[in-house]
Amino acid sequence: MDDITSTTDRYTTFTGIDCTGNSLRLVQAIRRHIDDPTKTNKFWEAFKVKLAHAELEPVKRKADQLCLLCSHVCYLDELFEEHDDKEGLELLRILEVECC
């Protein structure tokens, strides 16, 4: 039997899974697009506000960063597809599989 600590399987253990790091890397990839005035829209401007609340107000927040990202997977997928961002899509898949 494989050593369970050597794998990353969220259904068995969260050992070895860096959901916080995955979230931070994904947010950086998202911001490459939504912080560009030529790529943003009302949805992404509202998303930035939610993201700011999740990042800066941990005591008052309604959702943390991971929760926010996991609840917007479809929109994030569309964002990365639209801008042909393979790295962003890969980061999203990792977060989705390991943490959401």
Protein backbone atom coordinates (compact mmCIF):
# COMPACT_ATOMS: atom_id res chain seq x y z
CA MET A 1 0.00 0.00 0.00
CA ASP A 2 1.25 3.50 -0.82
CA ASP A 3 2.26 5.85 1.94
CA ILE A 4 -0.78 8.08 2.27
CA THR A 5 1.31 11.15 3.16
CA SER A 6 3.13 10.96 -0.17
CA THR A 7 -0.02 11.64 -2.20
CA THR A 8 -2.37 14.56 -2.43
CA ASP A 9 -5.90 13.25 -2.17
CA ARG A 10 -8.40 15.60 -0.59
CA TYR A 11 -10.82 12.74 0.04
CA THR A 12 -8.30 10.92 2.21
CA THR A 13 -6.13 13.63 3.68
CA PHE A 14 -5.21 17.24 3.10
CA THR A 15 -1.58 16.39 3.88
CA GLY A 16 0.67 17.80 1.19
CA ILE A 17 -2.00 20.09 -0.28
CA ASP A 18 -1.32 23.81 -0.09
CA CYS A 19 -4.79 25.29 -0.61
CA THR A 20 -3.70 28.70 0.63
CA GLY A 21 -0.72 28.77 -1.74
CA ASN A 22 -2.89 27.46 -4.59
CA SER A 23 -5.41 30.24 -3.92
CA LEU A 24 -2.75 32.95 -3.87
CA ARG A 25 -1.20 31.76 -7.14
CA LEU A 26 -4.61 31.61 -8.78
CA VAL A 27 -5.49 35.13 -7.61
CA GLN A 28 -2.27 36.42 -9.17
CA ALA A 29 -3.24 34.76 -12.46
CA ILE A 30 -6.76 36.21 -12.28
CA ARG A 31 -5.46 39.70 -11.54
CA ARG A 32 -3.26 39.64 -14.65
CA HIS A 33 -6.53 39.87 -16.56
CA ILE A 34 -9.06 41.68 -14.41
CA ASP A 35 -6.66 44.46 -13.41
CA ASP A 36 -6.18 45.28 -17.10
CA PRO A 37 -8.79 47.92 -18.01
CA THR A 38 -9.12 46.44 -21.51
CA LYS A 39 -10.04 43.00 -20.12
CA THR A 40 -12.32 43.78 -17.20
CA ASN A 41 -16.07 44.34 -17.02
CA LYS A 42 -18.73 44.99 -14.35
CA PHE A 43 -18.68 41.38 -13.20
CA TRP A 44 -14.91 41.38 -12.64
CA GLU A 45 -15.03 44.79 -10.96
CA ALA A 46 -17.58 43.39 -8.49
CA PHE A 47 -15.41 40.28 -8.09
CA LYS A 48 -12.45 42.51 -7.16
CA VAL A 49 -14.51 44.04 -4.35
CA LYS A 50 -15.42 40.59 -3.03
CA LEU A 51 -11.80 39.52 -3.32
CA ALA A 52 -10.67 42.58 -1.36
CA HIS A 53 -13.12 41.74 1.42
CA ALA A 54 -11.90 38.15 1.52
CA GLU A 55 -8.25 39.27 1.64
CA LEU A 56 -8.40 42.27 3.96
CA GLU A 57 -11.24 41.69 6.38
CA PRO A 58 -10.83 38.13 7.67
CA VAL A 59 -12.88 38.78 10.80
CA LYS A 60 -15.82 40.43 9.00
CA ARG A 61 -15.65 38.44 5.77
CA LYS A 62 -18.59 36.45 4.51
CA ALA A 63 -16.30 34.12 2.57
CA ASP A 64 -12.59 33.53 2.52
CA GLN A 65 -10.49 33.62 -0.62
CA LEU A 66 -10.66 29.87 -1.21
CA CYS A 67 -14.45 29.85 -0.86
CA LEU A 68 -14.74 32.78 -3.26
CA LEU A 69 -12.53 31.11 -5.86
CA CYS A 70 -14.27 27.74 -5.57
CA SER A 71 -17.68 29.34 -5.98
CA HIS A 72 -16.61 31.06 -9.21
CA VAL A 73 -14.83 28.19 -10.99
CA CYS A 74 -17.02 28.41 -14.11
CA TYR A 75 -16.44 32.15 -14.50
CA LEU A 76 -12.71 31.78 -13.88
CA ASP A 77 -12.52 29.00 -16.44
CA GLU A 78 -14.21 31.27 -18.97
CA LEU A 79 -11.83 34.15 -18.15
CA PHE A 80 -8.74 32.03 -18.73
CA GLU A 81 -10.19 30.42 -21.86
CA GLU A 82 -11.08 33.82 -23.30
CA HIS A 83 -7.52 35.06 -22.86
CA ASP A 84 -5.86 31.75 -23.82
CA ASP A 85 -4.18 31.60 -20.40
CA LYS A 86 -2.96 28.02 -20.09
CA GLU A 87 -1.11 28.70 -16.83
CA GLY A 88 -4.27 30.17 -15.28
CA LEU A 89 -6.31 27.18 -16.40
CA GLU A 90 -3.76 24.79 -14.89
CA LEU A 91 -3.77 26.69 -11.58
CA LEU A 92 -7.57 26.61 -11.60
CA ARG A 93 -7.62 22.84 -12.22
CA ILE A 94 -5.19 22.22 -9.37
CA LEU A 95 -7.26 24.32 -6.97
CA GLU A 96 -10.49 22.72 -8.14
CA VAL A 97 -9.24 19.15 -7.79
CA GLU A 98 -7.27 19.55 -4.58
CA CYS A 99 -9.15 22.19 -2.62
CA CYS A 100 -12.71 22.91 -3.78
